[in-house]
Amino acid sequence: MDKLYLASLLRDIEGLEEEFGISTIAELKKFLGDELEKKTLVIMPNNTGANCRCAICGKRTQPRIPYEIFLCDTFDEVCSECAKKYDTALAEMLEFYYTKSEAEHAEGEG
């Protein structure tokens, strides 16, 4: 990190202290509470089959093509277990897509 970025962070922290009376990281964590645990996930196109690490838990992922679940505003993949934990409906929607695709593919071969 460069000094300019750190100076910007310091100004933001000083603003928190003025507006909310928060002056320590512990106070900030307490103030945010459950918001720290929330993760915004999205389904995006995935064109790589390379194993990556889950952006949340760090476990190796089993990426699928053409779609996968990522942390919002990143290309950081999320494993299926974490996706189910943080956004069950989104995880189920992607699972439905792959189940339907596999069934249609099997019908085409039969």
N, C-alpha and C. Protein backbone atom coordinates (compact mmCIF):
# COMPACT_ATOMS: atom_id res chain seq x y z
N MET A 1 0.83 -1.18 0.00
CA MET A 1 0.00 0.00 0.00
C MET A 1 0.88 1.25 0.00
N ASP A 2 0.42 2.21 -0.72
CA ASP A 2 1.20 3.45 -0.72
C ASP A 2 0.67 4.41 0.34
N LYS A 3 1.45 5.43 0.63
CA LYS A 3 1.12 6.37 1.70
C LYS A 3 -0.14 7.19 1.38
N LEU A 4 -0.36 7.51 0.13
CA LEU A 4 -1.54 8.27 -0.25
C LEU A 4 -2.82 7.48 0.08
N TYR A 5 -2.81 6.19 -0.24
CA TYR A 5 -3.96 5.33 0.06
C TYR A 5 -4.18 5.25 1.57
N LEU A 6 -3.09 5.07 2.33
CA LEU A 6 -3.21 4.99 3.79
C LEU A 6 -3.74 6.30 4.37
N ALA A 7 -3.32 7.42 3.83
CA ALA A 7 -3.80 8.72 4.29
C ALA A 7 -5.31 8.84 4.04
N SER A 8 -5.76 8.33 2.90
CA SER A 8 -7.18 8.35 2.58
C SER A 8 -7.97 7.50 3.57
N LEU A 9 -7.43 6.32 3.90
CA LEU A 9 -8.08 5.46 4.89
C LEU A 9 -8.16 6.15 6.25
N LEU A 10 -7.10 6.82 6.64
CA LEU A 10 -7.08 7.52 7.92
C LEU A 10 -8.17 8.59 7.97
N ARG A 11 -8.35 9.34 6.88
CA ARG A 11 -9.41 10.34 6.83
C ARG A 11 -10.78 9.69 6.97
N ASP A 12 -10.96 8.54 6.34
CA ASP A 12 -12.23 7.81 6.45
C ASP A 12 -12.47 7.38 7.90
N ILE A 13 -11.44 6.89 8.53
CA ILE A 13 -11.56 6.44 9.93
C ILE A 13 -11.87 7.63 10.84
N GLU A 14 -11.23 8.75 10.60
CA GLU A 14 -11.51 9.94 11.40
C GLU A 14 -12.96 10.38 11.22
N GLY A 15 -13.49 10.22 10.02
CA GLY A 15 -14.90 10.52 9.77
C GLY A 15 -15.83 9.61 10.55
N LEU A 16 -15.46 8.33 10.68
CA LEU A 16 -16.25 7.40 11.48
C LEU A 16 -16.28 7.83 12.94
N GLU A 17 -15.13 8.28 13.41
CA GLU A 17 -15.05 8.71 14.81
C GLU A 17 -15.96 9.91 15.05
N GLU A 18 -15.92 10.86 14.13
CA GLU A 18 -16.75 12.05 14.28
C GLU A 18 -18.25 11.72 14.19
N GLU A 19 -18.61 10.89 13.21
CA GLU A 19 -20.02 10.63 12.96
C GLU A 19 -20.64 9.59 13.90
N PHE A 20 -19.88 8.54 14.22
CA PHE A 20 -20.44 7.43 15.00
C PHE A 20 -19.75 7.20 16.34
N GLY A 21 -18.72 7.95 16.65
CA GLY A 21 -17.99 7.75 17.90
C GLY A 21 -17.14 6.50 17.90
N ILE A 22 -16.74 6.05 16.70
CA ILE A 22 -15.94 4.83 16.56
C ILE A 22 -14.48 5.23 16.39
N SER A 23 -13.63 4.75 17.31
CA SER A 23 -12.22 5.14 17.22
C SER A 23 -11.27 3.95 17.20
N THR A 24 -11.80 2.73 17.35
CA THR A 24 -10.93 1.55 17.30
C THR A 24 -11.51 0.53 16.35
N ILE A 25 -10.68 -0.39 15.93
CA ILE A 25 -11.15 -1.47 15.04
C ILE A 25 -12.17 -2.33 15.78
N ALA A 26 -11.95 -2.60 17.06
CA ALA A 26 -12.88 -3.40 17.84
C ALA A 26 -14.26 -2.74 17.89
N GLU A 27 -14.30 -1.41 18.08
CA GLU A 27 -15.57 -0.69 18.10
C GLU A 27 -16.25 -0.75 16.74
N LEU A 28 -15.47 -0.66 15.67
CA LEU A 28 -16.02 -0.74 14.33
C LEU A 28 -16.63 -2.12 14.08
N LYS A 29 -15.92 -3.18 14.47
CA LYS A 29 -16.44 -4.54 14.29
C LYS A 29 -17.73 -4.73 15.09
N LYS A 30 -17.77 -4.21 16.31
CA LYS A 30 -18.97 -4.33 17.14
C LYS A 30 -20.13 -3.57 16.49
N PHE A 31 -19.85 -2.37 15.98
CA PHE A 31 -20.86 -1.54 15.34
C PHE A 31 -21.43 -2.24 14.10
N LEU A 32 -20.56 -2.84 13.31
CA LEU A 32 -21.00 -3.50 12.07
C LEU A 32 -21.72 -4.81 12.32
N GLY A 33 -21.31 -5.54 13.36
CA GLY A 33 -21.97 -6.78 13.73
C GLY A 33 -22.09 -7.76 12.59
N ASP A 34 -23.32 -8.19 12.32
CA ASP A 34 -23.58 -9.20 11.30
C ASP A 34 -23.24 -8.74 9.89
N GLU A 35 -23.17 -7.44 9.67
CA GLU A 35 -22.85 -6.94 8.32
C GLU A 35 -21.49 -7.45 7.85
N LEU A 36 -20.57 -7.68 8.79
CA LEU A 36 -19.25 -8.20 8.41
C LEU A 36 -19.34 -9.60 7.83
N GLU A 37 -20.36 -10.34 8.25
CA GLU A 37 -20.50 -11.73 7.80
C GLU A 37 -21.22 -11.86 6.47
N LYS A 38 -21.89 -10.80 6.04
CA LYS A 38 -22.63 -10.88 4.79
C LYS A 38 -21.69 -10.86 3.60
N LYS A 39 -22.00 -11.67 2.62
CA LYS A 39 -21.23 -11.73 1.38
C LYS A 39 -22.21 -11.60 0.22
N THR A 40 -21.91 -10.73 -0.72
CA THR A 40 -22.75 -10.61 -1.91
C THR A 40 -22.14 -11.47 -3.00
N LEU A 41 -22.92 -12.43 -3.46
CA LEU A 41 -22.47 -13.38 -4.47
C LEU A 41 -23.23 -13.15 -5.76
N VAL A 42 -22.59 -13.50 -6.88
CA VAL A 42 -23.22 -13.37 -8.19
C VAL A 42 -22.84 -14.57 -9.06
N ILE A 43 -23.71 -14.88 -10.00
CA ILE A 43 -23.39 -15.88 -11.02
C ILE A 43 -22.84 -15.12 -12.21
N MET A 44 -21.67 -15.56 -12.69
CA MET A 44 -21.06 -14.93 -13.86
C MET A 44 -20.50 -16.01 -14.77
N PRO A 45 -20.29 -15.64 -16.04
CA PRO A 45 -19.65 -16.59 -16.94
C PRO A 45 -18.27 -16.99 -16.42
N ASN A 46 -17.95 -18.25 -16.61
CA ASN A 46 -16.64 -18.76 -16.20
C ASN A 46 -16.05 -19.51 -17.39
N ASN A 47 -14.87 -19.11 -17.81
CA ASN A 47 -14.27 -19.76 -18.98
C ASN A 47 -12.98 -20.50 -18.63
N THR A 48 -12.76 -20.73 -17.34
CA THR A 48 -11.56 -21.47 -16.96
C THR A 48 -11.92 -22.65 -16.07
N GLY A 49 -11.28 -23.74 -16.30
CA GLY A 49 -11.50 -24.92 -15.48
C GLY A 49 -10.42 -25.08 -14.42
N ALA A 50 -9.58 -24.07 -14.28
CA ALA A 50 -8.48 -24.15 -13.32
C ALA A 50 -9.00 -24.14 -11.90
N ASN A 51 -8.47 -25.02 -11.07
CA ASN A 51 -8.83 -25.02 -9.66
C ASN A 51 -8.26 -23.79 -8.98
N CYS A 52 -9.12 -23.10 -8.29
CA CYS A 52 -8.72 -21.92 -7.52
C CYS A 52 -9.07 -22.19 -6.07
N ARG A 53 -8.82 -21.22 -5.24
CA ARG A 53 -9.24 -21.31 -3.84
C ARG A 53 -10.49 -20.47 -3.66
N CYS A 54 -11.39 -20.97 -2.83
CA CYS A 54 -12.62 -20.25 -2.51
C CYS A 54 -12.26 -18.92 -1.87
N ALA A 55 -12.90 -17.86 -2.33
CA ALA A 55 -12.62 -16.52 -1.82
C ALA A 55 -13.07 -16.35 -0.37
N ILE A 56 -13.90 -17.26 0.13
CA ILE A 56 -14.41 -17.14 1.49
C ILE A 56 -13.68 -18.07 2.46
N CYS A 57 -13.64 -19.37 2.14
CA CYS A 57 -13.07 -20.33 3.10
C CYS A 57 -11.66 -20.78 2.74
N GLY A 58 -11.23 -20.56 1.51
CA GLY A 58 -9.87 -20.93 1.10
C GLY A 58 -9.72 -22.35 0.57
N LYS A 59 -10.80 -23.15 0.60
CA LYS A 59 -10.72 -24.51 0.06
C LYS A 59 -10.61 -24.48 -1.45
N ARG A 60 -10.04 -25.53 -2.02
CA ARG A 60 -9.96 -25.65 -3.48
C ARG A 60 -11.37 -25.74 -4.06
N THR A 61 -11.60 -25.06 -5.16
CA THR A 61 -12.90 -25.11 -5.82
C THR A 61 -12.89 -26.13 -6.94
N GLN A 62 -14.06 -26.52 -7.35
CA GLN A 62 -14.25 -27.37 -8.52
C GLN A 62 -15.03 -26.54 -9.53
N PRO A 63 -14.36 -25.62 -10.23
CA PRO A 63 -15.07 -24.69 -11.10
C PRO A 63 -15.77 -25.38 -12.26
N ARG A 64 -16.91 -24.82 -12.64
CA ARG A 64 -17.67 -25.36 -13.75
C ARG A 64 -17.77 -24.32 -14.86
N ILE A 65 -17.93 -24.80 -16.06
CA ILE A 65 -18.07 -23.95 -17.23
C ILE A 65 -19.46 -24.22 -17.81
N PRO A 66 -20.26 -23.28 -18.18
CA PRO A 66 -19.94 -21.90 -18.50
C PRO A 66 -20.24 -20.89 -17.39
N TYR A 67 -20.82 -21.32 -16.24
CA TYR A 67 -21.15 -20.37 -15.18
C TYR A 67 -20.61 -20.84 -13.84
N GLU A 68 -20.32 -19.86 -12.97
CA GLU A 68 -19.87 -20.17 -11.63
C GLU A 68 -20.29 -19.02 -10.72
N ILE A 69 -20.18 -19.23 -9.42
CA ILE A 69 -20.52 -18.20 -8.44
C ILE A 69 -19.23 -17.51 -7.99
N PHE A 70 -19.30 -16.18 -7.96
CA PHE A 70 -18.16 -15.35 -7.58
C PHE A 70 -18.59 -14.34 -6.52
N LEU A 71 -17.61 -13.79 -5.80
CA LEU A 71 -17.89 -12.64 -4.96
C LEU A 71 -18.22 -11.47 -5.88
N CYS A 72 -19.18 -10.68 -5.50
CA CYS A 72 -19.61 -9.55 -6.31
C CYS A 72 -18.45 -8.61 -6.58
N ASP A 73 -18.39 -8.11 -7.80
CA ASP A 73 -17.37 -7.14 -8.23
C ASP A 73 -15.95 -7.71 -8.25
N THR A 74 -15.84 -9.04 -8.31
CA THR A 74 -14.51 -9.67 -8.39
C THR A 74 -14.60 -10.85 -9.35
N PHE A 75 -13.46 -11.46 -9.61
CA PHE A 75 -13.42 -12.73 -10.32
C PHE A 75 -12.96 -13.82 -9.36
N ASP A 76 -13.27 -13.64 -8.07
CA ASP A 76 -12.89 -14.60 -7.03
C ASP A 76 -13.99 -15.63 -6.87
N GLU A 77 -13.68 -16.89 -7.22
CA GLU A 77 -14.68 -17.95 -7.16
C GLU A 77 -15.02 -18.31 -5.73
N VAL A 78 -16.24 -18.82 -5.56
CA VAL A 78 -16.74 -19.25 -4.26
C VAL A 78 -17.14 -20.71 -4.39
N CYS A 79 -16.72 -21.54 -3.42
CA CYS A 79 -17.05 -22.97 -3.47
C CYS A 79 -18.54 -23.17 -3.23
N SER A 80 -19.05 -24.32 -3.61
CA SER A 80 -20.49 -24.58 -3.50
C SER A 80 -20.97 -24.54 -2.05
N GLU A 81 -20.14 -25.00 -1.10
CA GLU A 81 -20.54 -24.99 0.31
C GLU A 81 -20.73 -23.56 0.82
N CYS A 82 -19.79 -22.68 0.50
CA CYS A 82 -19.92 -21.28 0.94
C CYS A 82 -21.06 -20.59 0.20
N ALA A 83 -21.25 -20.91 -1.07
CA ALA A 83 -22.36 -20.33 -1.82
C ALA A 83 -23.68 -20.70 -1.16
N LYS A 84 -23.82 -21.96 -0.76
CA LYS A 84 -25.06 -22.40 -0.09
C LYS A 84 -25.23 -21.69 1.25
N LYS A 85 -24.14 -21.47 1.95
CA LYS A 85 -24.20 -20.83 3.27
C LYS A 85 -24.60 -19.36 3.17
N TYR A 86 -24.03 -18.64 2.19
CA TYR A 86 -24.24 -17.20 2.12
C TYR A 86 -25.37 -16.78 1.18
N ASP A 87 -25.74 -17.62 0.23
CA ASP A 87 -26.85 -17.29 -0.68
C ASP A 87 -27.44 -18.59 -1.23
N THR A 88 -28.27 -19.21 -0.42
CA THR A 88 -28.84 -20.52 -0.75
C THR A 88 -29.60 -20.48 -2.07
N ALA A 89 -30.41 -19.47 -2.27
CA ALA A 89 -31.23 -19.39 -3.49
C ALA A 89 -30.36 -19.31 -4.74
N LEU A 90 -29.30 -18.52 -4.68
CA LEU A 90 -28.40 -18.39 -5.83
C LEU A 90 -27.70 -19.72 -6.12
N ALA A 91 -27.23 -20.37 -5.07
CA ALA A 91 -26.56 -21.67 -5.23
C ALA A 91 -27.52 -22.70 -5.82
N GLU A 92 -28.76 -22.71 -5.35
CA GLU A 92 -29.74 -23.66 -5.87
C GLU A 92 -30.10 -23.37 -7.32
N MET A 93 -30.14 -22.09 -7.67
CA MET A 93 -30.43 -21.72 -9.06
C MET A 93 -29.34 -22.24 -10.00
N LEU A 94 -28.08 -22.08 -9.60
CA LEU A 94 -27.00 -22.57 -10.45
C LEU A 94 -27.01 -24.09 -10.50
N GLU A 95 -27.30 -24.73 -9.39
CA GLU A 95 -27.37 -26.20 -9.36
C GLU A 95 -28.50 -26.69 -10.26
N PHE A 96 -29.63 -25.99 -10.26
CA PHE A 96 -30.74 -26.34 -11.13
C PHE A 96 -30.34 -26.24 -12.60
N TYR A 97 -29.61 -25.17 -12.93
CA TYR A 97 -29.14 -24.99 -14.31
C TYR A 97 -28.31 -26.19 -14.75
N TYR A 98 -27.34 -26.59 -13.92
CA TYR A 98 -26.46 -27.69 -14.30
C TYR A 98 -27.20 -29.03 -14.32
N THR A 99 -28.13 -29.23 -13.40
CA THR A 99 -28.91 -30.47 -13.39
C THR A 99 -29.76 -30.56 -14.65
N LYS A 100 -30.41 -29.45 -15.03
CA LYS A 100 -31.23 -29.41 -16.24
C LYS A 100 -30.37 -29.60 -17.49
N SER A 101 -29.22 -28.96 -17.52
CA SER A 101 -28.32 -29.10 -18.68
C SER A 101 -27.84 -30.53 -18.85
N GLU A 102 -27.49 -31.17 -17.74
CA GLU A 102 -27.04 -32.56 -17.78
C GLU A 102 -28.16 -33.49 -18.26
N ALA A 103 -29.39 -33.24 -17.78
CA ALA A 103 -30.53 -34.06 -18.19
C ALA A 103 -30.81 -33.89 -19.69
N GLU A 104 -30.77 -32.66 -20.16
CA GLU A 104 -30.99 -32.41 -21.60
C GLU A 104 -29.90 -33.04 -22.43
N HIS A 105 -28.68 -32.99 -21.95
CA HIS A 105 -27.56 -33.60 -22.68
C HIS A 105 -27.74 -35.12 -22.74
N ALA A 106 -28.17 -35.72 -21.63
CA ALA A 106 -28.38 -37.17 -21.59
C ALA A 106 -29.51 -37.58 -22.53
N GLU A 107 -30.58 -36.78 -22.61
CA GLU A 107 -31.68 -37.09 -23.51
C GLU A 107 -31.22 -37.03 -24.97
N GLY A 108 -30.34 -36.11 -25.28
CA GLY A 108 -29.83 -35.96 -26.64
C GLY A 108 -28.98 -37.13 -27.06
N GLU A 109 -28.31 -37.77 -26.10
CA GLU A 109 -27.47 -38.92 -26.41
C GLU A 109 -28.26 -40.21 -26.52
N GLY A 110 -29.42 -40.25 -25.86
CA GLY A 110 -30.20 -41.49 -25.77
C GLY A 110 -31.08 -41.78 -26.90
